[in-house]
C-alpha atoms as a PDB file:
ATOM      1  CA  UNK A   1       9.450  24.386  77.738  1.00  0.00           C
ATOM      2  CA  UNK A   2       7.173  21.381  77.801  1.00  0.00           C
ATOM      3  CA  UNK A   3       4.920  23.078  75.282  1.00  0.00           C
ATOM      4  CA  UNK A   4       7.739  23.667  72.778  1.00  0.00           C
ATOM      5  CA  UNK A   5       8.699  19.983  72.773  1.00  0.00           C
ATOM      6  CA  UNK A   6       5.086  18.938  72.594  1.00  0.00           C
ATOM      7  CA  UNK A   7       4.422  21.301  69.646  1.00  0.00           C
ATOM      8  CA  UNK A   8       7.639  20.180  67.878  1.00  0.00           C
ATOM      9  CA  UNK A   9       6.775  16.503  68.410  1.00  0.00           C
ATOM     10  CA  UNK A  10       3.221  16.968  67.059  1.00  0.00           C
ATOM     11  CA  UNK A  11       4.589  18.990  64.122  1.00  0.00           C
ATOM     12  CA  UNK A  12       7.088  16.213  63.294  1.00  0.00           C
ATOM     13  CA  UNK A  13       4.331  13.558  63.498  1.00  0.00           C
ATOM     14  CA  UNK A  14       2.113  15.755  61.255  1.00  0.00           C
ATOM     15  CA  UNK A  15       4.890  16.141  58.633  1.00  0.00           C
ATOM     16  CA  UNK A  16       5.563  12.390  58.699  1.00  0.00           C
ATOM     17  CA  UNK A  17       1.848  11.632  58.437  1.00  0.00           C
ATOM     18  CA  UNK A  18       1.415  14.128  55.582  1.00  0.00           C
ATOM     19  CA  UNK A  19       4.424  12.636  53.746  1.00  0.00           C
ATOM     20  CA  UNK A  20       3.004   9.125  54.191  1.00  0.00           C
ATOM     21  CA  UNK A  21      -0.392  10.244  52.843  1.00  0.00           C
ATOM     22  CA  UNK A  22       1.207  11.903  49.789  1.00  0.00           C
ATOM     23  CA  UNK A  23       3.364   8.829  49.042  1.00  0.00           C
ATOM     24  CA  UNK A  24       0.385   6.472  49.454  1.00  0.00           C
ATOM     25  CA  UNK A  25      -1.747   8.700  47.218  1.00  0.00           C
ATOM     26  CA  UNK A  26       0.917   8.675  44.503  1.00  0.00           C
ATOM     27  CA  UNK A  27       1.297   4.897  44.761  1.00  0.00           C
ATOM     28  CA  UNK A  28      -2.434   4.207  44.731  1.00  0.00           C
ATOM     29  CA  UNK A  29      -3.321   6.616  41.902  1.00  0.00           C
ATOM     30  CA  UNK A  30      -3.572   4.819  38.503  1.00  0.00           C
ATOM     31  CA  UNK A  31      -1.018   5.784  35.915  1.00  0.00           C
ATOM     32  CA  UNK A  32      -2.049   8.210  33.211  1.00  0.00           C
ATOM     33  CA  UNK A  33      -3.453   6.655  30.029  1.00  0.00           C
ATOM     34  CA  UNK A  34      -0.346   7.273  27.922  1.00  0.00           C
ATOM     35  CA  UNK A  35      -0.753   3.913  26.196  1.00  0.00           C
ATOM     36  CA  UNK A  36      -3.948   5.080  24.465  1.00  0.00           C
ATOM     37  CA  UNK A  37      -2.210   6.686  21.472  1.00  0.00           C
ATOM     38  CA  UNK A  38       0.386   3.958  20.985  1.00  0.00           C
ATOM     39  CA  UNK A  39      -2.038   1.135  21.715  1.00  0.00           C
ATOM     40  CA  UNK A  40      -4.370   2.294  18.942  1.00  0.00           C
ATOM     41  CA  UNK A  41      -1.744   1.727  16.247  1.00  0.00           C
ATOM     42  CA  UNK A  42      -0.567  -1.560  17.763  1.00  0.00           C
ATOM     43  CA  UNK A  43      -3.994  -3.141  18.228  1.00  0.00           C
ATOM     44  CA  UNK A  44      -5.228  -2.426  14.696  1.00  0.00           C
ATOM     45  CA  UNK A  45      -5.279  -5.138  12.079  1.00  0.00           C
ATOM     46  CA  UNK A  46      -2.205  -3.811  10.227  1.00  0.00           C
ATOM     47  CA  UNK A  47       1.118  -2.127  10.886  1.00  0.00           C
ATOM     48  CA  UNK A  48       2.300   0.199   8.115  1.00  0.00           C
ATOM     49  CA  UNK A  49       5.765   0.589   6.598  1.00  0.00           C
ATOM     50  CA  UNK A  50       6.637   3.292   4.076  1.00  0.00           C
ATOM     51  CA  UNK A  51       8.826   2.122   1.209  1.00  0.00           C
ATOM     52  CA  UNK A  52      10.527   4.051  -1.583  1.00  0.00           C
ATOM     53  CA  UNK A  53      11.414   2.154  -4.718  1.00  0.00           C
ATOM     54  CA  UNK A  54      12.713   2.667  -8.235  1.00  0.00           C
ATOM     55  CA  UNK A  55      11.646   1.557 -11.709  1.00  0.00           C
ATOM     56  CA  UNK A  56      14.277  -1.190 -12.028  1.00  0.00           C
ATOM     57  CA  UNK A  57      13.282  -3.007  -8.833  1.00  0.00           C
ATOM     58  CA  UNK A  58       9.591  -2.472  -9.430  1.00  0.00           C
ATOM     59  CA  UNK A  59       9.894  -3.895 -12.973  1.00  0.00           C
ATOM     60  CA  UNK A  60      11.382  -7.070 -11.538  1.00  0.00           C
ATOM     61  CA  UNK A  61       8.690  -7.323  -8.860  1.00  0.00           C
ATOM     62  CA  UNK A  62       5.747  -6.656 -11.213  1.00  0.00           C
ATOM     63  CA  UNK A  63       6.848  -9.201 -13.803  1.00  0.00           C
ATOM     64  CA  UNK A  64       7.591 -11.829 -11.142  1.00  0.00           C
ATOM     65  CA  UNK A  65       4.108 -11.226  -9.747  1.00  0.00           C
ATOM     66  CA  UNK A  66       2.557 -11.485 -13.231  1.00  0.00           C
ATOM     67  CA  UNK A  67       4.376 -14.774 -13.923  1.00  0.00           C
ATOM     68  CA  UNK A  68       2.957 -16.238 -10.706  1.00  0.00           C
ATOM     69  CA  UNK A  69      -0.577 -14.861 -10.986  1.00  0.00           C
ATOM     70  CA  UNK A  70      -1.106 -15.311 -14.736  1.00  0.00           C
ATOM     71  CA  UNK A  71       0.957 -18.453 -15.297  1.00  0.00           C
ATOM     72  CA  UNK A  72      -1.940 -20.321 -16.925  1.00  0.00           C
ATOM     73  CA  UNK A  73      -2.979 -17.443 -19.190  1.00  0.00           C
ATOM     74  CA  UNK A  74      -3.141 -18.492 -22.856  1.00  0.00           C
ATOM     75  CA  UNK A  75      -1.528 -15.209 -23.885  1.00  0.00           C
ATOM     76  CA  UNK A  76       1.756 -13.971 -22.462  1.00  0.00           C
ATOM     77  CA  UNK A  77       2.402 -10.380 -21.561  1.00  0.00           C
ATOM     78  CA  UNK A  78       4.851  -8.309 -19.567  1.00  0.00           C
ATOM     79  CA  UNK A  79       5.024  -4.809 -18.126  1.00  0.00           C
ATOM     80  CA  UNK A  80       7.951  -2.407 -18.349  1.00  0.00           C
ATOM     81  CA  UNK A  81       8.187   0.830 -16.410  1.00  0.00           C
ATOM     82  CA  UNK A  82      10.034   3.501 -18.372  1.00  0.00           C
ATOM     83  CA  UNK A  83       8.875   7.086 -18.786  1.00  0.00           C
ATOM     84  CA  UNK A  84       5.395   5.544 -18.680  1.00  0.00           C
ATOM     85  CA  UNK A  85       3.888   2.113 -18.029  1.00  0.00           C
ATOM     86  CA  UNK A  86       4.327  -0.107 -21.098  1.00  0.00           C
ATOM     87  CA  UNK A  87       2.423  -3.358 -21.609  1.00  0.00           C
ATOM     88  CA  UNK A  88       3.814  -5.760 -24.205  1.00  0.00           C
ATOM     89  CA  UNK A  89       1.972  -8.838 -25.394  1.00  0.00           C
ATOM     90  CA  UNK A  90       0.756 -10.754 -28.396  1.00  0.00           C
ATOM     91  CA  UNK A  91      -2.666 -11.085 -29.953  1.00  0.00           C
ATOM     92  CA  UNK A  92      -3.511 -14.205 -31.955  1.00  0.00           C
ATOM     93  CA  UNK A  93      -4.658 -13.302 -35.454  1.00  0.00           C
ATOM     94  CA  UNK A  94      -5.573 -16.367 -37.533  1.00  0.00           C
ATOM     95  CA  UNK A  95      -2.334 -18.398 -37.605  1.00  0.00           C
ATOM     96  CA  UNK A  96      -0.116 -15.423 -36.761  1.00  0.00           C
ATOM     97  CA  UNK A  97       0.568 -13.525 -33.593  1.00  0.00           C
ATOM     98  CA  UNK A  98       0.594  -9.758 -33.669  1.00  0.00           C
ATOM     99  CA  UNK A  99       2.846  -7.856 -31.306  1.00  0.00           C
ATOM    100  CA  UNK A 100       1.075  -5.361 -29.143  1.00  0.00           C
ATOM    101  CA  UNK A 101       2.322  -2.404 -27.122  1.00  0.00           C
ATOM    102  CA  UNK A 102       0.108  -0.260 -24.916  1.00  0.00           C
ATOM    103  CA  UNK A 103       1.385   2.708 -22.933  1.00  0.00           C
ATOM    104  CA  UNK A 104      -0.257   4.197 -19.876  1.00  0.00           C
ATOM    105  CA  UNK A 105       0.191   7.255 -17.697  1.00  0.00           C
ATOM    106  CA  UNK A 106       0.044   6.150 -14.014  1.00  0.00           C
ATOM    107  CA  UNK A 107      -1.786   8.090 -11.330  1.00  0.00           C
ATOM    108  CA  UNK A 108      -1.670   7.196  -7.608  1.00  0.00           C
ATOM    109  CA  UNK A 109      -5.020   7.925  -5.977  1.00  0.00           C
ATOM    110  CA  UNK A 110      -5.509   9.177  -2.414  1.00  0.00           C
ATOM    111  CA  UNK A 111      -7.081   5.858  -1.396  1.00  0.00           C
ATOM    112  CA  UNK A 112      -3.848   4.034  -2.342  1.00  0.00           C
ATOM    113  CA  UNK A 113      -5.084   2.568  -5.625  1.00  0.00           C
ATOM    114  CA  UNK A 114      -3.398   3.110  -8.966  1.00  0.00           C
ATOM    115  CA  UNK A 115      -5.040   4.172 -12.232  1.00  0.00           C
ATOM    116  CA  UNK A 116      -3.318   3.637 -15.569  1.00  0.00           C
ATOM    117  CA  UNK A 117      -4.729   6.024 -18.170  1.00  0.00           C
ATOM    118  CA  UNK A 118      -4.331   4.814 -21.769  1.00  0.00           C
ATOM    119  CA  UNK A 119      -1.824   6.928 -23.665  1.00  0.00           C
ATOM    120  CA  UNK A 120      -1.022   5.044 -26.887  1.00  0.00           C
ATOM    121  CA  UNK A 121      -1.484   1.697 -28.583  1.00  0.00           C
ATOM    122  CA  UNK A 122       0.368  -0.158 -31.324  1.00  0.00           C
ATOM    123  CA  UNK A 123      -0.671  -3.523 -32.751  1.00  0.00           C
ATOM    124  CA  UNK A 124       1.493  -4.313 -35.708  1.00  0.00           C
ATOM    125  CA  UNK A 125       0.419  -1.696 -38.238  1.00  0.00           C
ATOM    126  CA  UNK A 126      -3.287  -1.999 -37.422  1.00  0.00           C
ATOM    127  CA  UNK A 127      -5.183   0.941 -36.026  1.00  0.00           C
ATOM    128  CA  UNK A 128      -7.846  -0.428 -33.725  1.00  0.00           C
ATOM    129  CA  UNK A 129     -10.022   1.514 -31.290  1.00  0.00           C
ATOM    130  CA  UNK A 130      -8.480   1.591 -27.816  1.00  0.00           C
ATOM    131  CA  UNK A 131     -11.712   0.475 -26.166  1.00  0.00           C
ATOM    132  CA  UNK A 132     -11.808  -2.590 -28.467  1.00  0.00           C
ATOM    133  CA  UNK A 133      -8.240  -3.599 -27.599  1.00  0.00           C
ATOM    134  CA  UNK A 134      -8.821  -3.094 -23.863  1.00  0.00           C
ATOM    135  CA  UNK A 135     -12.004  -5.200 -24.093  1.00  0.00           C
ATOM    136  CA  UNK A 136     -10.045  -7.919 -25.918  1.00  0.00           C
ATOM    137  CA  UNK A 137      -7.351  -7.886 -23.220  1.00  0.00           C
ATOM    138  CA  UNK A 138      -9.937  -8.020 -20.459  1.00  0.00           C
ATOM    139  CA  UNK A 139     -11.668 -11.021 -22.030  1.00  0.00           C
ATOM    140  CA  UNK A 140      -8.617 -13.003 -23.157  1.00  0.00           C
ATOM    141  CA  UNK A 141      -5.765 -12.266 -20.752  1.00  0.00           C
ATOM    142  CA  UNK A 142      -5.765 -13.699 -17.264  1.00  0.00           C
ATOM    143  CA  UNK A 143      -5.382 -10.671 -15.028  1.00  0.00           C
ATOM    144  CA  UNK A 144      -4.516 -10.749 -11.324  1.00  0.00           C
ATOM    145  CA  UNK A 145      -7.310 -10.155  -8.830  1.00  0.00           C
ATOM    146  CA  UNK A 146      -7.659  -6.429  -8.204  1.00  0.00           C
ATOM    147  CA  UNK A 147      -6.839  -5.407 -11.797  1.00  0.00           C
ATOM    148  CA  UNK A 148      -9.928  -4.036 -13.526  1.00  0.00           C
ATOM    149  CA  UNK A 149      -9.810  -2.987 -17.180  1.00  0.00           C
ATOM    150  CA  UNK A 150     -12.276  -0.207 -18.007  1.00  0.00           C
ATOM    151  CA  UNK A 151     -12.460  -0.023 -21.813  1.00  0.00           C
ATOM    152  CA  UNK A 152     -14.959   2.848 -21.979  1.00  0.00           C
ATOM    153  CA  UNK A 153     -12.809   5.077 -19.743  1.00  0.00           C
ATOM    154  CA  UNK A 154      -9.621   3.864 -21.505  1.00  0.00           C
ATOM    155  CA  UNK A 155      -7.981   2.964 -18.234  1.00  0.00           C
ATOM    156  CA  UNK A 156      -6.800   0.118 -16.067  1.00  0.00           C
ATOM    157  CA  UNK A 157      -7.781   0.410 -12.399  1.00  0.00           C
ATOM    158  CA  UNK A 158      -5.540  -1.416  -9.939  1.00  0.00           C
ATOM    159  CA  UNK A 159      -7.110  -1.937  -6.537  1.00  0.00           C
ATOM    160  CA  UNK A 160      -3.810  -2.271  -4.676  1.00  0.00           C
ATOM    161  CA  UNK A 161      -5.323  -3.761  -1.531  1.00  0.00           C
ATOM    162  CA  UNK A 162      -6.971  -6.589  -3.489  1.00  0.00           C
ATOM    163  CA  UNK A 163      -3.717  -7.756  -5.030  1.00  0.00           C
ATOM    164  CA  UNK A 164      -2.871 -11.158  -3.601  1.00  0.00           C
ATOM    165  CA  UNK A 165       0.328 -10.911  -1.599  1.00  0.00           C
ATOM    166  CA  UNK A 166       2.158 -13.380   0.589  1.00  0.00           C
ATOM    167  CA  UNK A 167       1.357 -13.264   4.303  1.00  0.00           C
ATOM    168  CA  UNK A 168      -1.868 -11.304   3.677  1.00  0.00           C
ATOM    169  CA  UNK A 169       0.085  -8.058   3.261  1.00  0.00           C
ATOM    170  CA  UNK A 170      -1.581  -5.155   1.506  1.00  0.00           C
ATOM    171  CA  UNK A 171      -0.065  -2.316  -0.486  1.00  0.00           C
ATOM    172  CA  UNK A 172      -1.082   1.305  -1.062  1.00  0.00           C
ATOM    173  CA  UNK A 173       0.495   3.465  -3.750  1.00  0.00           C
ATOM    174  CA  UNK A 174       1.581   6.834  -2.309  1.00  0.00           C
ATOM    175  CA  UNK A 175       3.569   8.250  -5.251  1.00  0.00           C
ATOM    176  CA  UNK A 176       4.075   6.916  -8.750  1.00  0.00           C
ATOM    177  CA  UNK A 177       6.083   9.465 -10.731  1.00  0.00           C
ATOM    178  CA  UNK A 178       7.998   7.497 -13.371  1.00  0.00           C
ATOM    179  CA  UNK A 179       9.644  10.520 -14.969  1.00  0.00           C
ATOM    180  CA  UNK A 180      11.364  11.442 -11.697  1.00  0.00           C
ATOM    181  CA  UNK A 181      11.717   7.770 -10.651  1.00  0.00           C
ATOM    182  CA  UNK A 182       9.864   8.732  -7.458  1.00  0.00           C
ATOM    183  CA  UNK A 183       7.855   5.691  -6.417  1.00  0.00           C
ATOM    184  CA  UNK A 184       6.577   5.241  -2.864  1.00  0.00           C
ATOM    185  CA  UNK A 185       4.285   2.693  -1.254  1.00  0.00           C
ATOM    186  CA  UNK A 186       2.823   1.927   2.122  1.00  0.00           C
ATOM    187  CA  UNK A 187       3.018  -1.757   2.982  1.00  0.00           C
ATOM    188  CA  UNK A 188       0.416  -2.930   5.477  1.00  0.00           C
ATOM    189  CA  UNK A 189       1.468  -6.021   7.423  1.00  0.00           C
ATOM    190  CA  UNK A 190      -1.198  -7.895   9.400  1.00  0.00           C
ATOM    191  CA  UNK A 191      -0.640  -8.233  13.124  1.00  0.00           C
ATOM    192  CA  UNK A 192      -3.653 -10.380  14.001  1.00  0.00           C
END
């Protein structure tokens, strides 16, 4: 009978010792690196937010931005988003000012930039080459940083991330379908 109690006692000590070793091993083992995936997005320079908009709100924002960025431009102009992008302005012609309307077809690129391809032009009743008018605009209108007029390609290239925004935010164009009023952006907010 002494052997049964001795074996039972040693078995109980062994189970307790094994349990203590398992608990200590679990406590001492470092946690799994679950923060790796989440930490990558949090430690970057920017946090992204996806925003859907419409033509009405975007019209207000664009023209507010143009008033701030091109306030000291000698020639006034404004942009209206309808079925296409419309640029209205005036061109000085001797002592008169000619009304100008340019229309563009927008295209959101995969890199987040926006290209406006020239569609039509109207300057009073004059018929001028599109490349000439775009060159004139590039030379005489004060354009915001990031807006590049390419007369030979008949387009306006908007580098969205170079546009000067408050708080060093950056914007990428995801969708820009004016006909369906489907406009989406990614706003990048700095976290450093």
